[in-house]
Amino acid sequence: MATYGYRCDVDGPVEVRLPMGTAPAVIACPDCGGSSVRTYTAPLLGLADRRRMAVIDHAEASRTEPAVVSSIPAAPRATRRPAPARRIDPRALRLPRP
């Protein structure tokens, strides 16, 4: 269910919960019975957690003001050391091969 906003000329703003995508352009006001026209508002994105809001803000900033660099960024340092090469037992070299 989604909440849709309407405005009645007599009673003011009216909110109605309907299945998503089924909201008509005009409904009857629940209080006075007059016609209420659907209004559109911005989504409530400010109610998300801080991490999501930071990602949204970063994406918006990078779209309008991309970071400018003067050189190619350095490759990231490896955090793990590579595994040492396995030592082969010299006796295994003398085994017959299939």
C-alpha atoms as a PDB file:
ATOM      1  CA  MET A   1       0.000   0.000   0.000  1.00  0.00           C
ATOM      2  CA  ALA A   2       1.160   3.493  -0.822  1.00  0.00           C
ATOM      3  CA  THR A   3       0.080   6.828   0.635  1.00  0.00           C
ATOM      4  CA  TYR A   4      -1.234   9.303  -1.933  1.00  0.00           C
ATOM      5  CA  GLY A   5      -1.806  12.992  -1.260  1.00  0.00           C
ATOM      6  CA  TYR A   6      -4.853  14.926  -2.442  1.00  0.00           C
ATOM      7  CA  ARG A   7      -6.027  18.495  -1.863  1.00  0.00           C
ATOM      8  CA  CYS A   8      -9.627  19.347  -1.155  1.00  0.00           C
ATOM      9  CA  ASP A   9     -10.710  22.962  -1.769  1.00  0.00           C
ATOM     10  CA  VAL A  10     -12.699  22.953   1.472  1.00  0.00           C
ATOM     11  CA  ASP A  11     -10.804  20.681   3.894  1.00  0.00           C
ATOM     12  CA  GLY A  12      -7.234  21.047   2.614  1.00  0.00           C
ATOM     13  CA  PRO A  13      -4.748  18.158   2.342  1.00  0.00           C
ATOM     14  CA  VAL A  14      -6.096  14.594   2.356  1.00  0.00           C
ATOM     15  CA  GLU A  15      -4.004  11.422   2.489  1.00  0.00           C
ATOM     16  CA  VAL A  16      -5.349   8.109   1.183  1.00  0.00           C
ATOM     17  CA  ARG A  17      -3.720   4.654   1.298  1.00  0.00           C
ATOM     18  CA  LEU A  18      -4.269   2.685  -1.917  1.00  0.00           C
ATOM     19  CA  PRO A  19      -2.501  -0.160  -3.719  1.00  0.00           C
ATOM     20  CA  MET A  20       0.505   1.141  -5.616  1.00  0.00           C
ATOM     21  CA  GLY A  21      -0.305   2.418  -9.100  1.00  0.00           C
ATOM     22  CA  THR A  22      -4.084   2.549  -8.595  1.00  0.00           C
ATOM     23  CA  ALA A  23      -4.494   6.175  -7.448  1.00  0.00           C
ATOM     24  CA  PRO A  24      -6.974   8.147  -9.585  1.00  0.00           C
ATOM     25  CA  ALA A  25      -6.401  11.804 -10.474  1.00  0.00           C
ATOM     26  CA  VAL A  26      -9.486  12.949  -8.522  1.00  0.00           C
ATOM     27  CA  ILE A  27     -11.257  11.377  -5.528  1.00  0.00           C
ATOM     28  CA  ALA A  28     -14.180  12.355  -3.331  1.00  0.00           C
ATOM     29  CA  CYS A  29     -13.091  14.032  -0.092  1.00  0.00           C
ATOM     30  CA  PRO A  30     -13.747  11.687   2.858  1.00  0.00           C
ATOM     31  CA  ASP A  31     -15.019  14.596   5.010  1.00  0.00           C
ATOM     32  CA  CYS A  32     -17.163  16.811   2.761  1.00  0.00           C
ATOM     33  CA  GLY A  33     -17.632  14.653  -0.350  1.00  0.00           C
ATOM     34  CA  GLY A  34     -16.225  17.349  -2.679  1.00  0.00           C
ATOM     35  CA  SER A  35     -13.610  16.596  -5.319  1.00  0.00           C
ATOM     36  CA  SER A  36      -9.962  16.347  -4.246  1.00  0.00           C
ATOM     37  CA  VAL A  37      -7.190  16.656  -6.829  1.00  0.00           C
ATOM     38  CA  ARG A  38      -4.064  14.528  -6.507  1.00  0.00           C
ATOM     39  CA  THR A  39      -0.883  16.346  -5.501  1.00  0.00           C
ATOM     40  CA  TYR A  40       2.701  15.209  -6.001  1.00  0.00           C
ATOM     41  CA  THR A  41       5.380  15.601  -3.341  1.00  0.00           C
ATOM     42  CA  ALA A  42       9.040  14.762  -3.070  1.00  0.00           C
ATOM     43  CA  PRO A  43       9.851  11.268  -1.747  1.00  0.00           C
ATOM     44  CA  LEU A  44      10.878  11.019   1.903  1.00  0.00           C
ATOM     45  CA  LEU A  45      14.487  10.101   1.272  1.00  0.00           C
ATOM     46  CA  GLY A  46      15.656  12.000   4.340  1.00  0.00           C
ATOM     47  CA  LEU A  47      14.306   9.245   6.576  1.00  0.00           C
ATOM     48  CA  ALA A  48      16.914   6.721   5.408  1.00  0.00           C
ATOM     49  CA  ASP A  49      19.912   5.784   7.543  1.00  0.00           C
ATOM     50  CA  ARG A  50      23.095   7.866   7.414  1.00  0.00           C
ATOM     51  CA  ARG A  51      25.084   5.475   5.227  1.00  0.00           C
ATOM     52  CA  ARG A  52      22.432   5.447   2.512  1.00  0.00           C
ATOM     53  CA  MET A  53      22.090   9.206   2.644  1.00  0.00           C
ATOM     54  CA  ALA A  54      25.885   9.583   2.353  1.00  0.00           C
ATOM     55  CA  VAL A  55      25.918   7.340  -0.727  1.00  0.00           C
ATOM     56  CA  ILE A  56      23.060   9.300  -2.309  1.00  0.00           C
ATOM     57  CA  ASP A  57      24.778  12.617  -1.554  1.00  0.00           C
ATOM     58  CA  HIS A  58      28.104  11.359  -2.930  1.00  0.00           C
ATOM     59  CA  ALA A  59      26.463  10.120  -6.129  1.00  0.00           C
ATOM     60  CA  GLU A  60      24.689  13.441  -6.601  1.00  0.00           C
ATOM     61  CA  ALA A  61      27.888  15.425  -5.989  1.00  0.00           C
ATOM     62  CA  SER A  62      29.909  13.294  -8.401  1.00  0.00           C
ATOM     63  CA  ARG A  63      27.247  13.769 -11.083  1.00  0.00           C
ATOM     64  CA  THR A  64      27.309  17.562 -10.938  1.00  0.00           C
ATOM     65  CA  GLU A  65      30.882  18.201  -9.718  1.00  0.00           C
ATOM     66  CA  PRO A  66      33.194  15.328 -10.695  1.00  0.00           C
ATOM     67  CA  ALA A  67      36.587  15.141  -9.023  1.00  0.00           C
ATOM     68  CA  VAL A  68      39.394  16.442 -11.252  1.00  0.00           C
ATOM     69  CA  VAL A  69      42.793  14.751 -11.074  1.00  0.00           C
ATOM     70  CA  SER A  70      46.125  15.888 -12.491  1.00  0.00           C
ATOM     71  CA  SER A  71      47.726  12.449 -12.751  1.00  0.00           C
ATOM     72  CA  ILE A  72      46.887   8.769 -12.805  1.00  0.00           C
ATOM     73  CA  PRO A  73      46.157   7.498  -9.284  1.00  0.00           C
ATOM     74  CA  ALA A  74      48.719   5.156  -7.744  1.00  0.00           C
ATOM     75  CA  ALA A  75      47.909   1.464  -7.627  1.00  0.00           C
ATOM     76  CA  PRO A  76      46.592   0.333  -4.254  1.00  0.00           C
ATOM     77  CA  ARG A  77      49.048  -1.469  -2.014  1.00  0.00           C
ATOM     78  CA  ALA A  78      48.596  -5.161  -1.506  1.00  0.00           C
ATOM     79  CA  THR A  79      47.439  -5.902   2.011  1.00  0.00           C
ATOM     80  CA  ARG A  80      48.441  -9.578   1.966  1.00  0.00           C
ATOM     81  CA  ARG A  81      51.815 -11.038   1.187  1.00  0.00           C
ATOM     82  CA  PRO A  82      51.849 -13.527  -1.647  1.00  0.00           C
ATOM     83  CA  ALA A  83      52.031 -17.153  -0.542  1.00  0.00           C
ATOM     84  CA  PRO A  84      55.534 -18.615  -0.774  1.00  0.00           C
ATOM     85  CA  ALA A  85      56.125 -20.998  -3.669  1.00  0.00           C
ATOM     86  CA  ARG A  86      55.738 -24.664  -2.775  1.00  0.00           C
ATOM     87  CA  ARG A  87      58.993 -26.519  -2.565  1.00  0.00           C
ATOM     88  CA  ILE A  88      59.074 -29.713  -4.545  1.00  0.00           C
ATOM     89  CA  ASP A  89      60.681 -32.696  -2.915  1.00  0.00           C
ATOM     90  CA  PRO A  90      63.653 -33.645  -5.154  1.00  0.00           C
ATOM     91  CA  ARG A  91      62.674 -37.306  -4.863  1.00  0.00           C
ATOM     92  CA  ALA A  92      59.361 -36.514  -6.573  1.00  0.00           C
ATOM     93  CA  LEU A  93      61.262 -35.423  -9.705  1.00  0.00           C
ATOM     94  CA  ARG A  94      62.599 -38.986 -10.141  1.00  0.00           C
ATOM     95  CA  LEU A  95      59.138 -40.584 -10.142  1.00  0.00           C
ATOM     96  CA  PRO A  96      57.936 -41.970 -13.477  1.00  0.00           C
ATOM     97  CA  ARG A  97      55.533 -39.750 -15.378  1.00  0.00           C
ATOM     98  CA  PRO A  98      52.345 -41.150 -16.945  1.00  0.00           C
END
